[in-house]
Amino acid sequence: MNFQFAGKGSVYSYTIVTDPPAGFEEQAPYVLALVQLDEGPLVTAQLTDLGEPVAVGMRVEMVTRKLRTEGESGMIVYGYKFRPLLA
């Protein structure tokens, strides 16, 4: 079975990470959230492009962003994050 999600949802819960795991030190502090997608599932993701304080219920949308750089070759790893929903 395949499911396609619209990539929009609401912040269900969040925390501010000040002591990150290895490989994410340069991003700290950052906001890690549980996002409830409009279709129902909960996903864990970092919030980005925050110009306002985070709040439970805040509407967000998925975006592709750099997650980290790996190894001596400097390979850039991309993935999804969520930002406040643009009108």
C-alpha atoms as a PDB file:
ATOM      1  CA  MET A   1       0.000   0.000   0.000  1.00  0.00           C
ATOM      2  CA  ASN A   2       1.258   3.483  -0.845  1.00  0.00           C
ATOM      3  CA  PHE A   3       0.103   6.659   0.845  1.00  0.00           C
ATOM      4  CA  GLN A   4       0.727  10.179  -0.334  1.00  0.00           C
ATOM      5  CA  PHE A   5       0.573  12.983   2.201  1.00  0.00           C
ATOM      6  CA  ALA A   6       0.064  16.672   1.451  1.00  0.00           C
ATOM      7  CA  GLY A   7       2.871  17.647   3.849  1.00  0.00           C
ATOM      8  CA  LYS A   8       0.804  20.010   5.984  1.00  0.00           C
ATOM      9  CA  GLY A   9      -0.190  19.647   9.595  1.00  0.00           C
ATOM     10  CA  SER A  10      -0.087  21.080  13.102  1.00  0.00           C
ATOM     11  CA  VAL A  11       2.442  21.006  15.916  1.00  0.00           C
ATOM     12  CA  TYR A  12       1.193  18.365  18.373  1.00  0.00           C
ATOM     13  CA  SER A  13       4.078  18.743  20.838  1.00  0.00           C
ATOM     14  CA  TYR A  14       7.637  20.063  20.790  1.00  0.00           C
ATOM     15  CA  THR A  15      10.880  20.408  22.717  1.00  0.00           C
ATOM     16  CA  ILE A  16      14.014  22.486  22.366  1.00  0.00           C
ATOM     17  CA  VAL A  17      17.133  20.350  21.939  1.00  0.00           C
ATOM     18  CA  THR A  18      20.141  21.904  23.668  1.00  0.00           C
ATOM     19  CA  ASP A  19      22.281  18.741  23.999  1.00  0.00           C
ATOM     20  CA  PRO A  20      22.073  17.173  20.512  1.00  0.00           C
ATOM     21  CA  PRO A  21      23.318  13.764  19.381  1.00  0.00           C
ATOM     22  CA  ALA A  22      26.617  13.422  17.511  1.00  0.00           C
ATOM     23  CA  GLY A  23      26.486  15.037  14.101  1.00  0.00           C
ATOM     24  CA  PHE A  24      23.925  17.682  15.035  1.00  0.00           C
ATOM     25  CA  GLU A  25      25.988  19.809  17.432  1.00  0.00           C
ATOM     26  CA  GLU A  26      26.268  22.758  15.029  1.00  0.00           C
ATOM     27  CA  GLN A  27      22.461  23.033  14.815  1.00  0.00           C
ATOM     28  CA  ALA A  28      21.816  23.312  18.562  1.00  0.00           C
ATOM     29  CA  PRO A  29      19.693  24.659  19.989  1.00  0.00           C
ATOM     30  CA  TYR A  30      16.897  23.525  17.680  1.00  0.00           C
ATOM     31  CA  VAL A  31      13.205  22.705  17.918  1.00  0.00           C
ATOM     32  CA  LEU A  32      12.136  19.084  17.519  1.00  0.00           C
ATOM     33  CA  ALA A  33       8.408  18.559  17.105  1.00  0.00           C
ATOM     34  CA  LEU A  34       5.731  15.936  16.775  1.00  0.00           C
ATOM     35  CA  VAL A  35       3.690  17.093  13.791  1.00  0.00           C
ATOM     36  CA  GLN A  36       0.202  15.714  13.272  1.00  0.00           C
ATOM     37  CA  LEU A  37      -0.315  15.602   9.531  1.00  0.00           C
ATOM     38  CA  ASP A  38      -3.723  16.631   8.192  1.00  0.00           C
ATOM     39  CA  GLU A  39      -4.244  13.005   7.143  1.00  0.00           C
ATOM     40  CA  GLY A  40      -3.780  11.822  10.743  1.00  0.00           C
ATOM     41  CA  PRO A  41      -0.309  10.306  11.303  1.00  0.00           C
ATOM     42  CA  LEU A  42       2.218  11.834  13.712  1.00  0.00           C
ATOM     43  CA  VAL A  43       5.774  12.391  12.452  1.00  0.00           C
ATOM     44  CA  THR A  44       8.855  13.644  14.274  1.00  0.00           C
ATOM     45  CA  ALA A  45      10.735  16.467  12.582  1.00  0.00           C
ATOM     46  CA  GLN A  46      12.905  19.482  13.196  1.00  0.00           C
ATOM     47  CA  LEU A  47      11.219  22.865  12.793  1.00  0.00           C
ATOM     48  CA  THR A  48      12.994  25.480  10.693  1.00  0.00           C
ATOM     49  CA  ASP A  49      12.538  29.042   9.409  1.00  0.00           C
ATOM     50  CA  LEU A  50      10.999  30.110  12.707  1.00  0.00           C
ATOM     51  CA  GLY A  51      10.208  33.807  12.824  1.00  0.00           C
ATOM     52  CA  GLU A  52       7.731  33.429  15.674  1.00  0.00           C
ATOM     53  CA  PRO A  53       7.573  31.403  18.890  1.00  0.00           C
ATOM     54  CA  VAL A  54       6.514  27.776  18.476  1.00  0.00           C
ATOM     55  CA  ALA A  55       3.111  26.829  19.872  1.00  0.00           C
ATOM     56  CA  VAL A  56       1.048  23.672  20.044  1.00  0.00           C
ATOM     57  CA  GLY A  57      -1.484  23.894  17.207  1.00  0.00           C
ATOM     58  CA  MET A  58       0.793  26.009  14.971  1.00  0.00           C
ATOM     59  CA  ARG A  59       0.162  25.184  11.313  1.00  0.00           C
ATOM     60  CA  VAL A  60       3.262  23.920   9.483  1.00  0.00           C
ATOM     61  CA  GLU A  61       4.303  22.564   6.096  1.00  0.00           C
ATOM     62  CA  MET A  62       7.030  20.159   5.034  1.00  0.00           C
ATOM     63  CA  VAL A  63      10.134  21.482   3.281  1.00  0.00           C
ATOM     64  CA  THR A  64      13.362  19.862   2.078  1.00  0.00           C
ATOM     65  CA  ARG A  65      16.413  21.094   3.969  1.00  0.00           C
ATOM     66  CA  LYS A  66      20.029  20.156   4.614  1.00  0.00           C
ATOM     67  CA  LEU A  67      20.280  17.738   7.546  1.00  0.00           C
ATOM     68  CA  ARG A  68      24.053  17.329   7.807  1.00  0.00           C
ATOM     69  CA  THR A  69      27.340  16.928   5.955  1.00  0.00           C
ATOM     70  CA  GLU A  70      28.979  13.488   6.090  1.00  0.00           C
ATOM     71  CA  GLY A  71      32.529  12.256   5.819  1.00  0.00           C
ATOM     72  CA  GLU A  72      35.679  13.682   4.337  1.00  0.00           C
ATOM     73  CA  SER A  73      34.027  14.052   0.938  1.00  0.00           C
ATOM     74  CA  GLY A  74      31.532  16.500   2.451  1.00  0.00           C
ATOM     75  CA  MET A  75      28.466  14.691   1.090  1.00  0.00           C
ATOM     76  CA  ILE A  76      25.385  16.767   1.947  1.00  0.00           C
ATOM     77  CA  VAL A  77      22.417  14.797   3.284  1.00  0.00           C
ATOM     78  CA  TYR A  78      18.976  16.315   2.694  1.00  0.00           C
ATOM     79  CA  GLY A  79      15.703  15.410   4.355  1.00  0.00           C
ATOM     80  CA  TYR A  80      12.442  16.876   5.501  1.00  0.00           C
ATOM     81  CA  LYS A  81      11.794  19.515   8.134  1.00  0.00           C
ATOM     82  CA  PHE A  82       8.708  21.613   8.799  1.00  0.00           C
ATOM     83  CA  ARG A  83       8.323  25.409   8.754  1.00  0.00           C
ATOM     84  CA  PRO A  84       5.410  27.667   9.698  1.00  0.00           C
ATOM     85  CA  LEU A  85       2.742  27.475   6.992  1.00  0.00           C
ATOM     86  CA  LEU A  86       3.039  30.266   4.435  1.00  0.00           C
ATOM     87  CA  ALA A  87      -0.289  31.844   3.547  1.00  0.00           C
END
